[in-house]
């Protein structure tokens, strides 16, 4: 009888296990089905792009050689219109500085004078600089707006009249003297650069 009771108990346990297994399997399938239903949804996406191109400042000076004067005498003078152009896409401000050589040590660059006026030499306007040729300058190459800086709009130009002179009072110390001056125009953007 003990064996019969043991067999009945074992069969009951086996049936309970089968029922539990069936319940767990059914629950798992229900969970998987519910999960599958939450994954089925409409979706969409879209994009937006950006494109940037920076502007330019392209400063030019014409003519490239402002003066070539030889055998000049005291009292002599000449002028030339220089055109400062900005072929870039942004407005610019610019300044001028000059460096001069006096390899013969006679100091002709300090003896000669230079007058710079706004406008063309055919119709000169306000004086921008007057003084020694070798130290001619206006404005400043320091960043930002400086006193004396000149502006030139995008795709525009600015004319300047340069007039040099060897003063009549120049003495014999300046015979056969020579100098070379380099006029440097430095520019920077005006936008966002007060």
N, C-alpha and C. Protein backbone atom coordinates (compact mmCIF):
# COMPACT_ATOMS: atom_id res chain seq x y z
N UNK A 1 0.78 -1.17 0.00
CA UNK A 1 0.00 0.00 0.00
C UNK A 1 0.84 1.26 0.00
N UNK A 2 1.87 1.17 0.68
CA UNK A 2 2.77 2.31 0.67
C UNK A 2 3.24 2.61 -0.74
N UNK A 3 3.43 1.57 -1.49
CA UNK A 3 3.88 1.77 -2.85
C UNK A 3 2.79 2.42 -3.67
N UNK A 4 1.62 2.01 -3.46
CA UNK A 4 0.50 2.56 -4.19
C UNK A 4 0.31 4.04 -3.82
N UNK A 5 0.45 4.39 -2.59
CA UNK A 5 0.32 5.77 -2.14
C UNK A 5 1.46 6.60 -2.71
N UNK A 6 2.64 6.01 -2.76
CA UNK A 6 3.80 6.73 -3.30
C UNK A 6 3.60 6.99 -4.79
N UNK A 7 3.07 6.02 -5.51
CA UNK A 7 2.85 6.17 -6.94
C UNK A 7 1.79 7.24 -7.19
N UNK A 8 0.74 7.28 -6.35
CA UNK A 8 -0.32 8.26 -6.52
C UNK A 8 0.23 9.66 -6.24
N UNK A 9 1.07 9.77 -5.22
CA UNK A 9 1.65 11.07 -4.89
C UNK A 9 2.56 11.54 -6.04
N UNK A 10 3.34 10.64 -6.60
CA UNK A 10 4.25 10.98 -7.69
C UNK A 10 3.44 11.40 -8.92
N UNK A 11 2.32 10.69 -9.19
CA UNK A 11 1.49 11.02 -10.34
C UNK A 11 0.85 12.40 -10.13
N UNK A 12 0.45 12.72 -8.90
CA UNK A 12 -0.14 14.02 -8.60
C UNK A 12 0.88 15.14 -8.80
N UNK A 13 2.08 14.86 -8.35
CA UNK A 13 3.13 15.87 -8.54
C UNK A 13 3.40 16.09 -10.02
N UNK A 14 3.40 15.03 -10.77
CA UNK A 14 3.67 15.12 -12.20
C UNK A 14 2.56 15.92 -12.88
N UNK A 15 1.31 15.68 -12.47
CA UNK A 15 0.20 16.42 -13.05
C UNK A 15 0.30 17.91 -12.69
N UNK A 16 0.67 18.19 -11.45
CA UNK A 16 0.82 19.59 -11.03
C UNK A 16 1.93 20.28 -11.82
N UNK A 17 3.00 19.52 -12.04
CA UNK A 17 4.11 20.10 -12.82
C UNK A 17 3.64 20.42 -14.24
N UNK A 18 2.88 19.51 -14.82
CA UNK A 18 2.39 19.73 -16.18
C UNK A 18 1.47 20.95 -16.22
N UNK A 19 0.62 21.11 -15.24
CA UNK A 19 -0.29 22.24 -15.18
C UNK A 19 0.51 23.54 -15.02
N UNK A 20 1.49 23.51 -14.12
CA UNK A 20 2.33 24.70 -13.91
C UNK A 20 3.10 25.05 -15.19
N UNK A 21 3.63 24.02 -15.84
CA UNK A 21 4.37 24.23 -17.08
C UNK A 21 3.45 24.81 -18.15
N UNK A 22 2.25 24.33 -18.23
CA UNK A 22 1.28 24.84 -19.21
C UNK A 22 0.92 26.29 -18.90
N UNK A 23 0.75 26.61 -17.61
CA UNK A 23 0.44 27.99 -17.22
C UNK A 23 1.60 28.91 -17.56
N UNK A 24 2.83 28.48 -17.25
CA UNK A 24 4.01 29.31 -17.54
C UNK A 24 4.20 29.49 -19.04
N UNK A 25 4.00 28.42 -19.81
CA UNK A 25 4.13 28.51 -21.26
C UNK A 25 3.07 29.45 -21.83
N UNK A 26 1.84 29.35 -21.35
CA UNK A 26 0.77 30.22 -21.81
C UNK A 26 1.05 31.68 -21.47
N UNK A 27 1.57 31.93 -20.26
CA UNK A 27 1.92 33.29 -19.84
C UNK A 27 3.03 33.86 -20.71
N UNK A 28 4.03 33.01 -21.02
CA UNK A 28 5.14 33.45 -21.86
C UNK A 28 4.67 33.82 -23.24
N UNK A 29 3.81 33.00 -23.82
CA UNK A 29 3.29 33.30 -25.15
C UNK A 29 2.46 34.58 -25.14
N UNK A 30 1.70 34.79 -24.08
CA UNK A 30 0.89 36.01 -23.96
C UNK A 30 1.81 37.23 -23.87
N UNK A 31 2.89 37.10 -23.10
CA UNK A 31 3.84 38.22 -22.97
C UNK A 31 4.53 38.52 -24.29
N UNK A 32 4.92 37.45 -25.01
CA UNK A 32 5.57 37.64 -26.31
C UNK A 32 4.59 38.28 -27.27
N UNK A 33 3.36 37.85 -27.28
CA UNK A 33 2.35 38.43 -28.16
C UNK A 33 2.10 39.88 -27.84
N UNK A 34 2.03 40.20 -26.55
CA UNK A 34 1.82 41.60 -26.14
C UNK A 34 3.00 42.45 -26.56
N UNK A 35 4.22 41.90 -26.42
CA UNK A 35 5.43 42.64 -26.81
C UNK A 35 5.45 42.88 -28.30
N UNK A 36 5.04 41.87 -29.07
CA UNK A 36 5.02 42.02 -30.51
C UNK A 36 4.04 43.10 -30.92
N UNK A 37 2.95 43.24 -30.18
CA UNK A 37 1.96 44.25 -30.53
C UNK A 37 2.49 45.64 -30.21
N UNK A 38 3.31 45.80 -29.18
CA UNK A 38 3.83 47.13 -28.87
C UNK A 38 4.91 47.55 -29.86
N UNK A 39 5.55 46.58 -30.55
CA UNK A 39 6.57 46.91 -31.53
C UNK A 39 5.97 47.32 -32.86
N UNK A 40 4.74 47.02 -33.11
CA UNK A 40 4.09 47.35 -34.37
C UNK A 40 3.46 48.73 -34.25
N UNK A 41 4.19 49.77 -34.74
CA UNK A 41 3.66 51.12 -34.71
C UNK A 41 4.16 51.86 -35.94
N UNK A 42 3.43 52.91 -36.37
CA UNK A 42 3.86 53.72 -37.50
C UNK A 42 5.03 54.59 -37.07
N UNK A 43 6.04 54.77 -37.95
CA UNK A 43 7.18 55.66 -37.68
C UNK A 43 7.47 56.49 -38.91
N UNK A 44 8.21 57.55 -38.71
CA UNK A 44 8.60 58.43 -39.81
C UNK A 44 9.82 59.22 -39.36
N UNK A 45 10.61 59.70 -40.31
CA UNK A 45 11.73 60.59 -39.99
C UNK A 45 11.93 61.53 -41.16
N UNK A 46 12.60 62.63 -40.90
CA UNK A 46 12.88 63.62 -41.94
C UNK A 46 14.21 64.27 -41.61
N UNK A 47 14.82 65.02 -42.53
CA UNK A 47 16.11 65.67 -42.30
C UNK A 47 16.06 67.13 -42.71
N UNK A 48 16.99 67.88 -42.20
CA UNK A 48 17.19 69.27 -42.59
C UNK A 48 18.69 69.47 -42.71
N UNK A 49 19.14 70.21 -43.71
CA UNK A 49 20.58 70.42 -43.90
C UNK A 49 20.91 71.90 -43.81
N UNK A 50 22.17 72.19 -43.65
CA UNK A 50 22.66 73.57 -43.64
C UNK A 50 23.85 73.68 -44.57
N UNK A 51 24.08 74.86 -45.11
CA UNK A 51 25.21 75.10 -46.00
C UNK A 51 25.75 76.49 -45.70
N UNK A 52 27.08 76.60 -45.59
CA UNK A 52 27.70 77.88 -45.26
C UNK A 52 28.85 78.15 -46.22
N UNK A 53 29.00 79.42 -46.61
CA UNK A 53 30.13 79.87 -47.40
C UNK A 53 30.60 81.19 -46.81
N UNK A 54 31.87 81.27 -46.47
CA UNK A 54 32.38 82.51 -45.88
C UNK A 54 32.62 83.56 -46.97
N UNK A 55 32.59 84.81 -46.56
CA UNK A 55 32.82 85.92 -47.47
C UNK A 55 34.31 86.16 -47.67
N UNK A 56 34.64 87.17 -48.45
CA UNK A 56 36.04 87.47 -48.77
C UNK A 56 36.31 88.96 -48.68
N UNK A 57 37.56 89.28 -48.41
CA UNK A 57 38.10 90.63 -48.58
C UNK A 57 39.27 90.47 -49.54
N UNK A 58 39.20 91.12 -50.67
CA UNK A 58 40.29 91.05 -51.64
C UNK A 58 40.68 92.47 -52.00
N UNK A 59 41.75 92.94 -51.35
CA UNK A 59 42.20 94.32 -51.55
C UNK A 59 43.20 94.36 -52.69
N UNK A 60 43.04 95.33 -53.55
CA UNK A 60 43.98 95.53 -54.65
C UNK A 60 44.35 96.99 -54.74
N UNK A 61 45.56 97.28 -55.24
CA UNK A 61 46.00 98.66 -55.42
C UNK A 61 46.53 98.79 -56.84
N UNK A 62 46.06 99.82 -57.53
CA UNK A 62 46.48 100.03 -58.90
C UNK A 62 46.84 101.50 -59.10
N UNK A 63 47.95 101.79 -59.77
CA UNK A 63 48.91 100.88 -60.36
C UNK A 63 49.83 100.26 -59.30
N UNK A 64 50.44 99.14 -59.66
CA UNK A 64 51.33 98.44 -58.73
C UNK A 64 52.58 99.27 -58.44
N UNK A 65 53.04 100.02 -59.41
CA UNK A 65 54.17 100.93 -59.20
C UNK A 65 53.63 102.35 -59.31
N UNK A 66 53.61 103.05 -58.18
CA UNK A 66 53.02 104.39 -58.17
C UNK A 66 53.91 105.41 -58.88
N UNK A 67 55.21 105.33 -58.65
CA UNK A 67 56.14 106.32 -59.23
C UNK A 67 57.45 105.66 -59.64
N UNK A 68 58.00 106.13 -60.72
CA UNK A 68 59.39 105.86 -61.09
C UNK A 68 59.92 107.19 -61.59
N UNK A 69 60.63 107.89 -60.73
CA UNK A 69 61.12 109.22 -61.08
C UNK A 69 62.64 109.23 -61.00
N UNK A 70 63.28 109.66 -62.06
CA UNK A 70 64.74 109.72 -62.10
C UNK A 70 65.19 111.15 -62.43
N UNK A 71 66.39 111.48 -62.02
CA UNK A 71 67.00 112.78 -62.30
C UNK A 71 66.12 113.94 -61.83
N UNK A 72 65.46 113.77 -60.69
CA UNK A 72 64.60 114.86 -60.19
C UNK A 72 65.47 115.97 -59.61
N UNK A 73 64.96 117.16 -59.68
CA UNK A 73 65.67 118.35 -59.21
C UNK A 73 64.85 119.03 -58.11
N UNK A 74 65.51 119.81 -57.24
CA UNK A 74 64.77 120.56 -56.22
C UNK A 74 63.66 121.40 -56.87
N UNK A 75 62.49 121.37 -56.22
CA UNK A 75 61.33 122.09 -56.73
C UNK A 75 60.44 121.24 -57.62
N UNK A 76 60.89 120.04 -57.95
CA UNK A 76 60.10 119.18 -58.83
C UNK A 76 59.02 118.45 -58.04
N UNK A 77 57.89 118.21 -58.70
CA UNK A 77 56.76 117.51 -58.09
C UNK A 77 56.01 116.71 -59.15
N UNK A 78 55.30 115.68 -58.71
CA UNK A 78 54.45 114.89 -59.63
C UNK A 78 53.39 114.19 -58.78
N UNK A 79 52.32 113.79 -59.46
CA UNK A 79 51.27 113.10 -58.72
C UNK A 79 50.77 111.88 -59.48
N UNK A 80 50.05 111.03 -58.77
CA UNK A 80 49.52 109.80 -59.34
C UNK A 80 48.28 109.40 -58.54
N UNK A 81 47.21 109.04 -59.24
CA UNK A 81 46.03 108.51 -58.58
C UNK A 81 46.23 107.03 -58.33
N UNK A 82 46.08 106.62 -57.08
CA UNK A 82 46.10 105.21 -56.72
C UNK A 82 44.66 104.80 -56.43
N UNK A 83 44.26 103.67 -56.97
CA UNK A 83 42.91 103.16 -56.75
C UNK A 83 43.00 101.93 -55.86
N UNK A 84 42.37 102.03 -54.69
CA UNK A 84 42.30 100.92 -53.74
C UNK A 84 40.96 100.24 -53.97
N UNK A 85 41.00 98.98 -54.40
CA UNK A 85 39.75 98.28 -54.73
C UNK A 85 39.53 97.09 -53.80
N UNK A 86 38.26 96.80 -53.58
CA UNK A 86 37.86 95.64 -52.78
C UNK A 86 36.96 94.78 -53.68
N UNK A 87 37.54 93.74 -54.25
CA UNK A 87 36.76 92.86 -55.12
C UNK A 87 36.15 91.70 -54.34
N UNK A 88 36.21 91.78 -53.03
CA UNK A 88 35.62 90.75 -52.17
C UNK A 88 34.13 90.95 -51.98
N UNK A 89 33.56 90.14 -51.09
CA UNK A 89 32.11 90.17 -50.86
C UNK A 89 31.73 90.91 -49.58
N UNK A 90 32.72 91.37 -48.80
CA UNK A 90 32.44 92.08 -47.56
C UNK A 90 33.10 93.44 -47.55
N UNK A 91 32.50 94.40 -46.87
CA UNK A 91 33.08 95.74 -46.75
C UNK A 91 34.37 95.67 -45.94
N UNK A 92 35.31 96.56 -46.25
CA UNK A 92 36.62 96.56 -45.60
C UNK A 92 36.97 97.96 -45.13
N UNK A 93 37.82 97.99 -44.10
CA UNK A 93 38.48 99.26 -43.75
C UNK A 93 39.96 99.03 -43.96
N UNK A 94 40.68 100.09 -44.30
CA UNK A 94 42.10 99.92 -44.58
C UNK A 94 42.92 101.09 -44.05
N UNK A 95 44.20 100.80 -43.91
CA UNK A 95 45.16 101.80 -43.44
C UNK A 95 46.38 101.76 -44.34
N UNK A 96 47.26 102.74 -44.18
CA UNK A 96 48.48 102.82 -44.98
C UNK A 96 49.67 103.01 -44.06
N UNK A 97 50.73 102.28 -44.36
CA UNK A 97 52.02 102.52 -43.71
C UNK A 97 53.08 102.53 -44.81
N UNK A 98 54.21 103.17 -44.55
CA UNK A 98 55.26 103.29 -45.54
C UNK A 98 56.59 102.87 -44.95
N UNK A 99 57.36 102.15 -45.73
CA UNK A 99 58.74 101.87 -45.36
C UNK A 99 59.61 102.36 -46.51
N UNK A 100 60.72 102.98 -46.18
CA UNK A 100 61.58 103.54 -47.22
C UNK A 100 63.03 103.15 -46.96
N UNK A 101 63.76 102.97 -48.03
CA UNK A 101 65.18 102.64 -47.93
C UNK A 101 66.02 103.84 -48.34
N UNK A 102 67.14 103.99 -47.69
CA UNK A 102 68.13 105.03 -48.02
C UNK A 102 69.51 104.38 -47.95
N UNK A 103 69.78 103.47 -48.86
CA UNK A 103 71.04 102.72 -48.79
C UNK A 103 72.27 103.60 -48.94
N UNK A 104 72.09 104.77 -49.57
CA UNK A 104 73.23 105.67 -49.72
C UNK A 104 73.42 106.58 -48.51
N UNK A 105 72.58 106.45 -47.50
CA UNK A 105 72.59 107.22 -46.23
C UNK A 105 72.43 108.72 -46.42
N UNK A 106 71.95 109.17 -47.56
CA UNK A 106 71.75 110.61 -47.78
C UNK A 106 70.40 111.10 -47.24
N UNK A 107 69.47 110.19 -46.96
CA UNK A 107 68.21 110.57 -46.33
C UNK A 107 67.19 111.22 -47.24
N UNK A 108 67.15 110.82 -48.50
CA UNK A 108 66.21 111.43 -49.44
C UNK A 108 64.74 111.19 -49.03
N UNK A 109 64.44 110.03 -48.45
CA UNK A 109 63.06 109.73 -48.05
C UNK A 109 62.54 110.71 -47.01
N UNK A 110 63.41 111.18 -46.13
CA UNK A 110 63.00 112.15 -45.12
C UNK A 110 62.95 113.56 -45.70
N UNK A 111 63.72 113.83 -46.74
CA UNK A 111 63.75 115.16 -47.36
C UNK A 111 62.55 115.38 -48.27
N UNK A 112 62.15 114.36 -49.00
CA UNK A 112 61.00 114.49 -49.91
C UNK A 112 59.70 114.55 -49.12
N UNK A 113 58.71 115.21 -49.70
CA UNK A 113 57.40 115.29 -49.05
C UNK A 113 56.38 114.50 -49.85
N UNK A 114 55.32 114.10 -49.15
CA UNK A 114 54.22 113.40 -49.80
C UNK A 114 52.92 113.99 -49.28
N UNK A 115 52.02 114.26 -50.20
CA UNK A 115 50.68 114.73 -49.89
C UNK A 115 49.71 113.67 -50.40
N UNK A 116 48.83 113.19 -49.53
CA UNK A 116 47.80 112.21 -49.93
C UNK A 116 46.45 112.87 -49.72
N UNK A 117 45.65 112.88 -50.79
CA UNK A 117 44.32 113.48 -50.73
C UNK A 117 43.28 112.46 -51.19
N UNK A 118 42.07 112.59 -50.66
CA UNK A 118 40.96 111.74 -51.11
C UNK A 118 40.58 112.14 -52.53
N UNK A 119 40.18 111.15 -53.32
CA UNK A 119 39.76 111.43 -54.68
C UNK A 119 40.88 111.27 -55.68
N UNK A 120 40.57 111.58 -56.93
CA UNK A 120 41.56 111.47 -58.00
C UNK A 120 42.42 112.73 -58.05
N UNK A 121 43.55 112.62 -58.71
CA UNK A 121 44.41 113.81 -58.85
C UNK A 121 43.77 114.85 -59.76
N UNK A 122 42.86 114.43 -60.64
CA UNK A 122 42.13 115.37 -61.49
C UNK A 122 41.16 116.20 -60.66
N UNK A 123 40.69 115.65 -59.54
CA UNK A 123 39.73 116.34 -58.68
C UNK A 123 39.99 115.96 -57.22
N UNK A 124 41.13 116.38 -56.66
CA UNK A 124 41.47 115.97 -55.29
C UNK A 124 40.56 116.61 -54.25
N UNK A 125 40.40 115.88 -53.15
CA UNK A 125 39.55 116.36 -52.07
C UNK A 125 40.35 116.62 -50.81
N UNK A 126 39.80 116.19 -49.69
CA UNK A 126 40.39 116.47 -48.37
C UNK A 126 41.77 115.83 -48.23
N UNK A 127 42.63 116.53 -47.49
CA UNK A 127 43.97 116.01 -47.21
C UNK A 127 43.89 114.90 -46.18
N UNK A 128 44.53 113.79 -46.49
CA UNK A 128 44.58 112.64 -45.58
C UNK A 128 45.93 112.60 -44.87
N UNK A 129 47.01 112.95 -45.59
CA UNK A 129 48.36 112.95 -45.01
C UNK A 129 49.18 114.00 -45.72
N UNK A 130 50.01 114.68 -44.95
CA UNK A 130 51.04 115.55 -45.53
C UNK A 130 52.25 115.50 -44.60
N UNK A 131 53.41 115.27 -45.18
CA UNK A 131 54.63 115.14 -44.39
C UNK A 131 55.73 114.46 -45.18
N UNK A 132 56.69 113.90 -44.48
CA UNK A 132 57.82 113.24 -45.12
C UNK A 132 57.36 112.01 -45.89
N UNK A 133 57.98 111.79 -47.04
CA UNK A 133 57.66 110.64 -47.87
C UNK A 133 57.88 109.32 -47.11
N UNK A 134 58.99 109.20 -46.43
CA UNK A 134 59.38 107.95 -45.79
C UNK A 134 58.52 107.52 -44.62
N UNK A 135 57.70 108.42 -44.09
CA UNK A 135 56.87 108.07 -42.93
C UNK A 135 55.38 108.23 -43.21
N UNK A 136 55.00 108.26 -44.47
CA UNK A 136 53.59 108.47 -44.84
C UNK A 136 52.73 107.36 -44.24
N UNK A 137 51.62 107.78 -43.62
CA UNK A 137 50.71 106.80 -43.00
C UNK A 137 49.36 107.44 -42.73
N UNK A 138 48.35 106.60 -42.68
CA UNK A 138 47.05 107.00 -42.15
C UNK A 138 46.38 105.75 -41.60
N UNK A 139 45.47 105.95 -40.63
CA UNK A 139 44.80 104.83 -40.00
C UNK A 139 45.77 103.96 -39.22
N UNK A 140 45.32 102.75 -38.92
CA UNK A 140 46.15 101.81 -38.17
C UNK A 140 45.77 100.39 -38.56
N UNK A 141 46.77 99.52 -38.60
CA UNK A 141 46.50 98.11 -38.92
C UNK A 141 46.01 97.34 -37.69
N UNK A 142 45.92 98.00 -36.52
CA UNK A 142 45.39 97.34 -35.32
C UNK A 142 43.92 96.97 -35.57
N UNK A 143 43.49 95.87 -34.98
CA UNK A 143 42.12 95.40 -35.20
C UNK A 143 41.10 96.39 -34.66
N UNK A 144 40.02 96.54 -35.41
CA UNK A 144 38.95 97.45 -35.03
C UNK A 144 39.11 98.80 -35.69
N UNK A 145 38.08 99.61 -35.57
CA UNK A 145 38.09 100.95 -36.17
C UNK A 145 39.10 101.84 -35.44
N UNK A 146 39.95 102.48 -36.22
CA UNK A 146 40.97 103.38 -35.69
C UNK A 146 40.83 104.72 -36.39
N UNK A 147 41.27 105.79 -35.73
CA UNK A 147 41.23 107.11 -36.34
C UNK A 147 42.04 107.09 -37.63
N UNK A 148 41.46 107.63 -38.69
CA UNK A 148 42.16 107.71 -39.97
C UNK A 148 41.93 106.54 -40.90
N UNK A 149 41.35 105.44 -40.41
CA UNK A 149 41.04 104.31 -41.29
C UNK A 149 40.08 104.77 -42.39
N UNK A 150 40.23 104.18 -43.56
CA UNK A 150 39.31 104.46 -44.66
C UNK A 150 38.52 103.20 -44.95
N UNK A 151 37.32 103.35 -45.48
CA UNK A 151 36.49 102.19 -45.79
C UNK A 151 36.24 102.10 -47.29
N UNK A 152 36.05 100.86 -47.71
CA UNK A 152 35.69 100.61 -49.10
C UNK A 152 34.69 99.45 -49.10
N UNK A 153 33.55 99.68 -49.73
CA UNK A 153 32.47 98.68 -49.75
C UNK A 153 32.87 97.48 -50.61
N UNK A 154 32.11 96.41 -50.46
CA UNK A 154 32.34 95.23 -51.30
C UNK A 154 32.14 95.60 -52.76
N UNK A 155 32.99 95.07 -53.62
CA UNK A 155 32.92 95.31 -55.06
C UNK A 155 32.96 96.81 -55.39
N UNK A 156 33.75 97.57 -54.62
CA UNK A 156 33.86 99.02 -54.85
C UNK A 156 35.33 99.42 -54.78
N UNK A 157 35.59 100.71 -54.98
CA UNK A 157 36.97 101.21 -54.93
C UNK A 157 37.02 102.60 -54.30
N UNK A 158 38.23 102.98 -53.90
CA UNK A 158 38.47 104.28 -53.27
C UNK A 158 39.70 104.88 -53.95
N UNK A 159 39.59 106.09 -54.46
CA UNK A 159 40.71 106.74 -55.15
C UNK A 159 41.45 107.67 -54.20
N UNK A 160 42.78 107.65 -54.32
CA UNK A 160 43.65 108.53 -53.53
C UNK A 160 44.64 109.21 -54.46
N UNK A 161 44.88 110.49 -54.23
CA UNK A 161 45.87 111.23 -55.02
C UNK A 161 47.16 111.35 -54.21
N UNK A 162 48.24 110.76 -54.71
CA UNK A 162 49.57 110.84 -54.09
C UNK A 162 50.38 111.87 -54.86
N UNK A 163 50.87 112.90 -54.15
CA UNK A 163 51.70 113.93 -54.77
C UNK A 163 53.01 114.03 -54.02
N UNK A 164 54.12 113.79 -54.71
CA UNK A 164 55.44 113.90 -54.08
C UNK A 164 56.12 115.20 -54.53
N UNK A 165 57.06 115.62 -53.72
CA UNK A 165 57.82 116.82 -54.08
C UNK A 165 59.21 116.74 -53.46
N UNK A 166 60.19 117.26 -54.16
CA UNK A 166 61.54 117.49 -53.61
C UNK A 166 61.63 119.00 -53.38
N UNK A 167 61.62 119.41 -52.10
CA UNK A 167 61.56 120.84 -51.82
C UNK A 167 62.66 121.64 -52.53
N UNK A 168 62.30 122.84 -52.94
CA UNK A 168 63.23 123.73 -53.64
C UNK A 168 64.45 124.03 -52.79
N UNK A 169 64.31 124.00 -51.48
CA UNK A 169 65.43 124.32 -50.58
C UNK A 169 66.40 123.15 -50.39
N UNK A 170 66.17 122.02 -51.06
CA UNK A 170 67.08 120.87 -50.91
C UNK A 170 68.45 121.24 -51.45
N UNK A 171 69.48 121.04 -50.63
CA UNK A 171 70.84 121.45 -51.00
C UNK A 171 71.65 120.34 -51.67
N UNK A 172 72.94 120.64 -51.85
CA UNK A 172 73.86 119.74 -52.53
C UNK A 172 73.99 118.38 -51.87
N UNK A 173 73.67 118.26 -50.61
CA UNK A 173 73.78 116.98 -49.91
C UNK A 173 72.86 115.93 -50.53
N UNK A 174 71.86 116.36 -51.30
CA UNK A 174 70.90 115.43 -51.88
C UNK A 174 71.15 115.15 -53.36
N UNK A 175 72.28 115.60 -53.89
CA UNK A 175 72.61 115.26 -55.26
C UNK A 175 72.88 113.75 -55.37
N UNK A 176 72.41 113.14 -56.42
CA UNK A 176 72.59 111.71 -56.70
C UNK A 176 72.09 110.82 -55.57
N UNK A 177 71.14 111.32 -54.79
CA UNK A 177 70.56 110.51 -53.71
C UNK A 177 69.46 109.62 -54.29
N UNK A 178 69.19 108.52 -53.61
CA UNK A 178 68.16 107.59 -54.09
C UNK A 178 67.37 107.03 -52.90
N UNK A 179 66.11 106.79 -53.14
CA UNK A 179 65.27 106.14 -52.13
C UNK A 179 64.20 105.32 -52.82
N UNK A 180 63.74 104.31 -52.14
CA UNK A 180 62.62 103.49 -52.60
C UNK A 180 61.63 103.39 -51.46
N UNK A 181 60.38 103.70 -51.75
CA UNK A 181 59.32 103.62 -50.73
C UNK A 181 58.34 102.52 -51.09
N UNK A 182 57.92 101.80 -50.07
CA UNK A 182 56.88 100.78 -50.24
C UNK A 182 55.67 101.20 -49.44
N UNK A 183 54.56 101.37 -50.12
CA UNK A 183 53.30 101.75 -49.48
C UNK A 183 52.51 100.47 -49.21
N UNK A 184 52.22 100.19 -47.96
CA UNK A 184 51.50 98.97 -47.58
C UNK A 184 50.09 99.33 -47.14
N UNK A 185 49.13 98.77 -47.83
CA UNK A 185 47.72 98.96 -47.51
C UNK A 185 47.24 97.71 -46.78
N UNK A 186 46.83 97.86 -45.53
CA UNK A 186 46.36 96.72 -44.73
C UNK A 186 44.86 96.85 -44.53
N UNK A 187 44.13 95.75 -44.77
CA UNK A 187 42.67 95.82 -44.66
C UNK A 187 42.15 94.78 -43.68
N UNK A 188 40.92 95.02 -43.21
CA UNK A 188 40.21 94.09 -42.34
C UNK A 188 38.72 94.28 -42.57
N UNK A 189 37.95 93.28 -42.19
CA UNK A 189 36.49 93.36 -42.34
C UNK A 189 35.93 94.44 -41.43
N UNK A 190 34.81 95.03 -41.85
CA UNK A 190 34.11 95.98 -40.99
C UNK A 190 32.96 95.29 -40.25
N UNK A 191 32.41 94.24 -40.85
CA UNK A 191 31.29 93.52 -40.21
C UNK A 191 31.75 92.86 -38.92
N UNK A 192 30.98 93.06 -37.85
CA UNK A 192 31.27 92.45 -36.54
C UNK A 192 32.66 92.80 -36.03
N UNK A 193 33.16 93.96 -36.39
CA UNK A 193 34.52 94.37 -36.02
C UNK A 193 34.53 95.87 -35.73
N UNK A 194 33.87 96.27 -34.64
CA UNK A 194 33.75 97.72 -34.36
C UNK A 194 35.10 98.33 -33.99
